PDB file of N, CA and C in Angstrom:
ATOM      1  N   MET A   1      53.699  66.346 -32.677  1.00  0.00           N
ATOM      2  CA  MET A   1      52.644  66.389 -31.636  1.00  0.00           C
ATOM      3  C   MET A   1      51.582  65.231 -31.981  1.00  0.00           C
ATOM      4  N   PRO A   2      51.262  64.369 -31.098  1.00  0.00           N
ATOM      5  CA  PRO A   2      50.163  63.381 -31.525  1.00  0.00           C
ATOM      6  C   PRO A   2      48.768  64.084 -31.797  1.00  0.00           C
ATOM      7  N   GLU A   3      48.095  63.467 -32.725  1.00  0.00           N
ATOM      8  CA  GLU A   3      46.851  64.005 -33.198  1.00  0.00           C
ATOM      9  C   GLU A   3      45.830  64.080 -31.962  1.00  0.00           C
ATOM     10  N   ASP A   4      45.889  63.146 -31.033  1.00  0.00           N
ATOM     11  CA  ASP A   4      44.965  63.167 -29.963  1.00  0.00           C
ATOM     12  C   ASP A   4      45.120  64.280 -28.940  1.00  0.00           C
ATOM     13  N   ASN A   5      46.290  65.003 -29.085  1.00  0.00           N
ATOM     14  CA  ASN A   5      46.527  66.138 -28.233  1.00  0.00           C
ATOM     15  C   ASN A   5      45.978  67.461 -28.902  1.00  0.00           C
ATOM     16  N   ARG A   6      45.366  67.359 -29.975  1.00  0.00           N
ATOM     17  CA  ARG A   6      44.936  68.533 -30.726  1.00  0.00           C
ATOM     18  C   ARG A   6      43.433  68.635 -30.834  1.00  0.00           C
ATOM     19  N   ILE A   7      42.959  69.904 -30.882  1.00  0.00           N
ATOM     20  CA  ILE A   7      41.596  70.097 -30.972  1.00  0.00           C
ATOM     21  C   ILE A   7      41.384  71.120 -32.154  1.00  0.00           C
ATOM     22  N   GLN A   8      40.210  71.139 -32.827  1.00  0.00           N
ATOM     23  CA  GLN A   8      40.091  72.193 -33.905  1.00  0.00           C
ATOM     24  C   GLN A   8      39.273  73.373 -33.229  1.00  0.00           C
ATOM     25  N   LEU A   9      39.727  74.481 -33.644  1.00  0.00           N
ATOM     26  CA  LEU A   9      39.085  75.802 -33.274  1.00  0.00           C
ATOM     27  C   LEU A   9      38.523  76.241 -34.442  1.00  0.00           C
ATOM     28  N   ASN A  10      37.251  76.704 -34.440  1.00  0.00           N
ATOM     29  CA  ASN A  10      36.603  77.372 -35.734  1.00  0.00           C
ATOM     30  C   ASN A  10      36.195  78.707 -35.090  1.00  0.00           C
ATOM     31  N   VAL A  11      36.898  79.665 -35.749  1.00  0.00           N
ATOM     32  CA  VAL A  11      36.705  81.078 -35.233  1.00  0.00           C
ATOM     33  C   VAL A  11      36.410  81.944 -36.478  1.00  0.00           C
ATOM     34  N   ARG A  12      35.695  83.065 -36.135  1.00  0.00           N
ATOM     35  CA  ARG A  12      35.483  84.043 -37.312  1.00  0.00           C
ATOM     36  C   ARG A  12      36.413  85.304 -36.893  1.00  0.00           C
ATOM     37  N   VAL A  13      37.167  85.698 -37.912  1.00  0.00           N
ATOM     38  CA  VAL A  13      37.998  86.820 -37.746  1.00  0.00           C
ATOM     39  C   VAL A  13      37.724  87.814 -38.891  1.00  0.00           C
ATOM     40  N   GLU A  14      38.191  89.025 -38.784  1.00  0.00           N
ATOM     41  CA  GLU A  14      38.035  89.931 -39.794  1.00  0.00           C
ATOM     42  C   GLU A  14      39.042  89.638 -40.883  1.00  0.00           C
ATOM     43  N   LYS A  15      38.585  90.044 -42.166  1.00  0.00           N
ATOM     44  CA  LYS A  15      39.501  89.628 -43.302  1.00  0.00           C
ATOM     45  C   LYS A  15      40.936  90.193 -43.142  1.00  0.00           C
ATOM     46  N   ASP A  16      41.027  91.479 -42.487  1.00  0.00           N
ATOM     47  CA  ASP A  16      42.309  92.044 -42.287  1.00  0.00           C
ATOM     48  C   ASP A  16      43.081  91.206 -41.355  1.00  0.00           C
ATOM     49  N   THR A  17      42.482  90.630 -40.264  1.00  0.00           N
ATOM     50  CA  THR A  17      43.261  89.763 -39.341  1.00  0.00           C
ATOM     51  C   THR A  17      43.738  88.470 -40.162  1.00  0.00           C
ATOM     52  N   ALA A  18      42.670  87.866 -40.901  1.00  0.00           N
ATOM     53  CA  ALA A  18      43.144  86.708 -41.723  1.00  0.00           C
ATOM     54  C   ALA A  18      44.370  86.999 -42.555  1.00  0.00           C
ATOM     55  N   ALA A  19      44.334  88.201 -43.198  1.00  0.00           N
ATOM     56  CA  ALA A  19      45.437  88.579 -44.113  1.00  0.00           C
ATOM     57  C   ALA A  19      46.798  88.739 -43.325  1.00  0.00           C
ATOM     58  N   LYS A  20      46.646  89.170 -42.195  1.00  0.00           N
ATOM     59  CA  LYS A  20      47.818  89.368 -41.218  1.00  0.00           C
ATOM     60  C   LYS A  20      48.393  88.074 -40.861  1.00  0.00           C
ATOM     61  N   LEU A  21      47.523  87.058 -40.634  1.00  0.00           N
ATOM     62  CA  LEU A  21      47.900  85.717 -40.218  1.00  0.00           C
ATOM     63  C   LEU A  21      48.612  85.083 -41.447  1.00  0.00           C
ATOM     64  N   ASP A  22      48.011  85.337 -42.740  1.00  0.00           N
ATOM     65  CA  ASP A  22      48.716  84.787 -43.843  1.00  0.00           C
ATOM     66  C   ASP A  22      50.087  85.335 -44.037  1.00  0.00           C
ATOM     67  N   GLU A  23      50.264  86.567 -43.742  1.00  0.00           N
ATOM     68  CA  GLU A  23      51.585  87.322 -43.857  1.00  0.00           C
ATOM     69  C   GLU A  23      52.603  86.740 -42.806  1.00  0.00           C
ATOM     70  N   LEU A  24      52.097  86.538 -41.632  1.00  0.00           N
ATOM     71  CA  LEU A  24      52.795  85.973 -40.524  1.00  0.00           C
ATOM     72  C   LEU A  24      53.325  84.620 -40.878  1.00  0.00           C
ATOM     73  N   THR A  25      52.333  83.791 -41.421  1.00  0.00           N
ATOM     74  CA  THR A  25      52.727  82.510 -41.814  1.00  0.00           C
ATOM     75  C   THR A  25      53.832  82.405 -42.916  1.00  0.00           C
ATOM     76  N   ALA A  26      53.687  83.386 -43.816  1.00  0.00           N
ATOM     77  CA  ALA A  26      54.673  83.454 -44.917  1.00  0.00           C
ATOM     78  C   ALA A  26      56.027  83.840 -44.316  1.00  0.00           C
ATOM     79  N   TYR A  27      56.005  84.737 -43.336  1.00  0.00           N
ATOM     80  CA  TYR A  27      57.241  85.200 -42.689  1.00  0.00           C
ATOM     81  C   TYR A  27      57.941  84.054 -41.882  1.00  0.00           C
ATOM     82  N   TYR A  28      57.097  83.311 -41.156  1.00  0.00           N
ATOM     83  CA  TYR A  28      57.620  82.133 -40.394  1.00  0.00           C
ATOM     84  C   TYR A  28      58.201  81.142 -41.415  1.00  0.00           C
ATOM     85  N   GLN A  29      57.531  80.713 -42.580  1.00  0.00           N
ATOM     86  CA  GLN A  29      58.121  79.923 -43.529  1.00  0.00           C
ATOM     87  C   GLN A  29      59.361  80.381 -44.129  1.00  0.00           C
ATOM     88  N   LYS A  30      59.495  81.571 -44.269  1.00  0.00           N
ATOM     89  CA  LYS A  30      60.754  82.176 -44.910  1.00  0.00           C
ATOM     90  C   LYS A  30      61.899  82.109 -44.008  1.00  0.00           C
ATOM     91  N   HIS A  31      61.638  82.170 -42.693  1.00  0.00           N
ATOM     92  CA  HIS A  31      62.673  82.264 -41.640  1.00  0.00           C
ATOM     93  C   HIS A  31      62.867  80.978 -40.821  1.00  0.00           C
ATOM     94  N   THR A  32      62.438  79.861 -41.256  1.00  0.00           N
ATOM     95  CA  THR A  32      62.466  78.627 -40.635  1.00  0.00           C
ATOM     96  C   THR A  32      63.290  77.712 -41.406  1.00  0.00           C
ATOM     97  N   LYS A  33      64.014  76.842 -40.709  1.00  0.00           N
ATOM     98  CA  LYS A  33      64.821  75.691 -41.411  1.00  0.00           C
ATOM     99  C   LYS A  33      64.064  74.597 -41.693  1.00  0.00           C
ATOM    100  N   TYR A  34      62.930  74.395 -40.905  1.00  0.00           N
ATOM    101  CA  TYR A  34      62.131  73.123 -41.031  1.00  0.00           C
ATOM    102  C   TYR A  34      61.099  73.148 -42.048  1.00  0.00           C
ATOM    103  N   GLY A  35      60.341  72.106 -42.396  1.00  0.00           N
ATOM    104  CA  GLY A  35      59.495  72.079 -43.521  1.00  0.00           C
ATOM    105  C   GLY A  35      58.346  73.075 -43.470  1.00  0.00           C
ATOM    106  N   LYS A  36      57.170  72.608 -44.002  1.00  0.00           N
ATOM    107  CA  LYS A  36      56.100  73.458 -44.288  1.00  0.00           C
ATOM    108  C   LYS A  36      55.617  74.041 -42.888  1.00  0.00           C
ATOM    109  N   VAL A  37      55.306  75.389 -42.920  1.00  0.00           N
ATOM    110  CA  VAL A  37      54.753  76.033 -41.702  1.00  0.00           C
ATOM    111  C   VAL A  37      53.269  76.260 -41.982  1.00  0.00           C
ATOM    112  N   TYR A  38      52.423  75.805 -40.932  1.00  0.00           N
ATOM    113  CA  TYR A  38      50.972  75.928 -41.057  1.00  0.00           C
ATOM    114  C   TYR A  38      50.426  76.955 -40.168  1.00  0.00           C
ATOM    115  N   LYS A  39      49.370  77.601 -40.487  1.00  0.00           N
ATOM    116  CA  LYS A  39      48.773  78.691 -39.760  1.00  0.00           C
ATOM    117  C   LYS A  39      48.539  78.257 -38.227  1.00  0.00           C
ATOM    118  N   GLY A  40      48.217  77.012 -38.087  1.00  0.00           N
ATOM    119  CA  GLY A  40      47.901  76.448 -36.653  1.00  0.00           C
ATOM    120  C   GLY A  40      49.256  76.562 -35.924  1.00  0.00           C
ATOM    121  N   ASP A  41      50.419  76.238 -36.547  1.00  0.00           N
ATOM    122  CA  ASP A  41      51.667  76.299 -35.963  1.00  0.00           C
ATOM    123  C   ASP A  41      51.964  77.752 -35.504  1.00  0.00           C
ATOM    124  N   VAL A  42      51.678  78.700 -36.467  1.00  0.00           N
ATOM    125  CA  VAL A  42      51.994  80.091 -36.102  1.00  0.00           C
ATOM    126  C   VAL A  42      51.104  80.653 -34.983  1.00  0.00           C
ATOM    127  N   ILE A  43      49.859  80.318 -34.990  1.00  0.00           N
ATOM    128  CA  ILE A  43      48.955  80.591 -33.860  1.00  0.00           C
ATOM    129  C   ILE A  43      49.465  80.077 -32.559  1.00  0.00           C
ATOM    130  N   THR A  44      49.765  78.693 -32.598  1.00  0.00           N
ATOM    131  CA  THR A  44      50.176  78.108 -31.466  1.00  0.00           C
ATOM    132  C   THR A  44      51.461  78.885 -30.854  1.00  0.00           C
ATOM    133  N   ASP A  45      52.414  79.249 -31.705  1.00  0.00           N
ATOM    134  CA  ASP A  45      53.580  79.856 -31.289  1.00  0.00           C
ATOM    135  C   ASP A  45      53.296  81.242 -30.683  1.00  0.00           C
ATOM    136  N   ILE A  46      52.442  81.939 -31.237  1.00  0.00           N
ATOM    137  CA  ILE A  46      52.128  83.261 -30.905  1.00  0.00           C
ATOM    138  C   ILE A  46      51.423  83.189 -29.436  1.00  0.00           C
ATOM    139  N   ILE A  47      50.435  82.233 -29.269  1.00  0.00           N
ATOM    140  CA  ILE A  47      49.787  81.988 -28.016  1.00  0.00           C
ATOM    141  C   ILE A  47      50.731  81.514 -26.871  1.00  0.00           C
ATOM    142  N   GLU A  48      51.650  80.624 -27.142  1.00  0.00           N
ATOM    143  CA  GLU A  48      52.634  80.157 -26.246  1.00  0.00           C
ATOM    144  C   GLU A  48      53.515  81.296 -25.765  1.00  0.00           C
ATOM    145  N   LYS A  49      54.036  82.123 -26.761  1.00  0.00           N
ATOM    146  CA  LYS A  49      54.848  83.308 -26.348  1.00  0.00           C
ATOM    147  C   LYS A  49      54.032  84.331 -25.545  1.00  0.00           C
ATOM    148  N   SER A  50      52.811  84.565 -25.884  1.00  0.00           N
ATOM    149  CA  SER A  50      52.031  85.544 -25.127  1.00  0.00           C
ATOM    150  C   SER A  50      51.710  85.022 -23.723  1.00  0.00           C
ATOM    151  N   TYR A  51      51.446  83.733 -23.661  1.00  0.00           N
ATOM    152  CA  TYR A  51      51.284  83.075 -22.334  1.00  0.00           C
ATOM    153  C   TYR A  51      52.455  83.152 -21.394  1.00  0.00           C
ATOM    154  N   GLU A  52      53.606  82.898 -21.977  1.00  0.00           N
ATOM    155  CA  GLU A  52      54.898  83.116 -21.165  1.00  0.00           C
ATOM    156  C   GLU A  52      54.975  84.587 -20.573  1.00  0.00           C
ATOM    157  N   MET A  53      54.720  85.585 -21.554  1.00  0.00           N
ATOM    158  CA  MET A  53      54.755  86.863 -21.112  1.00  0.00           C
ATOM    159  C   MET A  53      53.832  87.184 -20.006  1.00  0.00           C
ATOM    160  N   MET A  54      52.548  86.708 -20.141  1.00  0.00           N
ATOM    161  CA  MET A  54      51.532  87.020 -19.062  1.00  0.00           C
ATOM    162  C   MET A  54      51.993  86.376 -17.764  1.00  0.00           C
ATOM    163  N   GLU A  55      52.459  85.086 -17.909  1.00  0.00           N
ATOM    164  CA  GLU A  55      52.972  84.443 -16.612  1.00  0.00           C
ATOM    165  C   GLU A  55      54.056  85.342 -15.859  1.00  0.00           C
ATOM    166  N   LYS A  56      55.054  85.887 -16.739  1.00  0.00           N
ATOM    167  CA  LYS A  56      56.066  86.722 -16.247  1.00  0.00           C
ATOM    168  C   LYS A  56      55.428  87.987 -15.475  1.00  0.00           C
ATOM    169  N   GLN A  57      54.516  88.578 -16.110  1.00  0.00           N
ATOM    170  CA  GLN A  57      53.815  89.751 -15.524  1.00  0.00           C
ATOM    171  C   GLN A  57      53.070  89.375 -14.284  1.00  0.00           C
ATOM    172  N   VAL A  58      52.400  88.277 -14.300  1.00  0.00           N
ATOM    173  CA  VAL A  58      51.632  87.892 -13.129  1.00  0.00           C
ATOM    174  C   VAL A  58      52.586  87.604 -11.969  1.00  0.00           C
ATOM    175  N   SER A  59      53.724  87.060 -12.331  1.00  0.00           N
ATOM    176  CA  SER A  59      54.696  86.723 -11.282  1.00  0.00           C
ATOM    177  C   SER A  59      55.272  88.021 -10.724  1.00  0.00           C
ATOM    178  N   MET A  60      55.558  88.958 -11.572  1.00  0.00           N
ATOM    179  CA  MET A  60      56.115  90.318 -11.107  1.00  0.00           C
ATOM    180  C   MET A  60      55.075  91.040 -10.163  1.00  0.00           C
ATOM    181  N   GLU A  61      53.768  90.969 -10.601  1.00  0.00           N
ATOM    182  CA  GLU A  61      52.675  91.635  -9.793  1.00  0.00           C
ATOM    183  C   GLU A  61      52.585  91.058  -8.393  1.00  0.00           C
ATOM    184  N   LYS A  62      52.791  89.748  -8.332  1.00  0.00           N
ATOM    185  CA  LYS A  62      52.675  88.968  -6.982  1.00  0.00           C
ATOM    186  C   LYS A  62      53.897  89.407  -6.179  1.00  0.00           C
ATOM    187  N   ARG A  63      55.023  89.597  -6.627  1.00  0.00           N
ATOM    188  CA  ARG A  63      56.146  90.058  -5.960  1.00  0.00           C
ATOM    189  C   ARG A  63      56.004  91.419  -5.251  1.00  0.00           C
ATOM    190  N   TYR A  64      55.292  92.321  -5.958  1.00  0.00           N
ATOM    191  CA  TYR A  64      55.115  93.653  -5.469  1.00  0.00           C
ATOM    192  C   TYR A  64      53.919  93.924  -4.567  1.00  0.00           C
ATOM    193  N   LYS A  65      53.227  92.782  -4.278  1.00  0.00           N
ATOM    194  CA  LYS A  65      52.061  92.813  -3.493  1.00  0.00           C
ATOM    195  C   LYS A  65      52.280  92.555  -2.080  1.00  0.00           C
TER     196      LYS A  65
END
């Protein structure tokens, strides 16, 4: 992904949430064939998957209206 398509997000999260992100990142690293996995990659993957689920739910809601 080209650098000009990226922005930096600075957020504050609880220590427990940061620890969970560390654990998720380690899990992704262990279960991927590709090189180094970064926290930003994990967050991006989670957001993309959540967004897809949201779109499906919205689509289903529109069908039943």
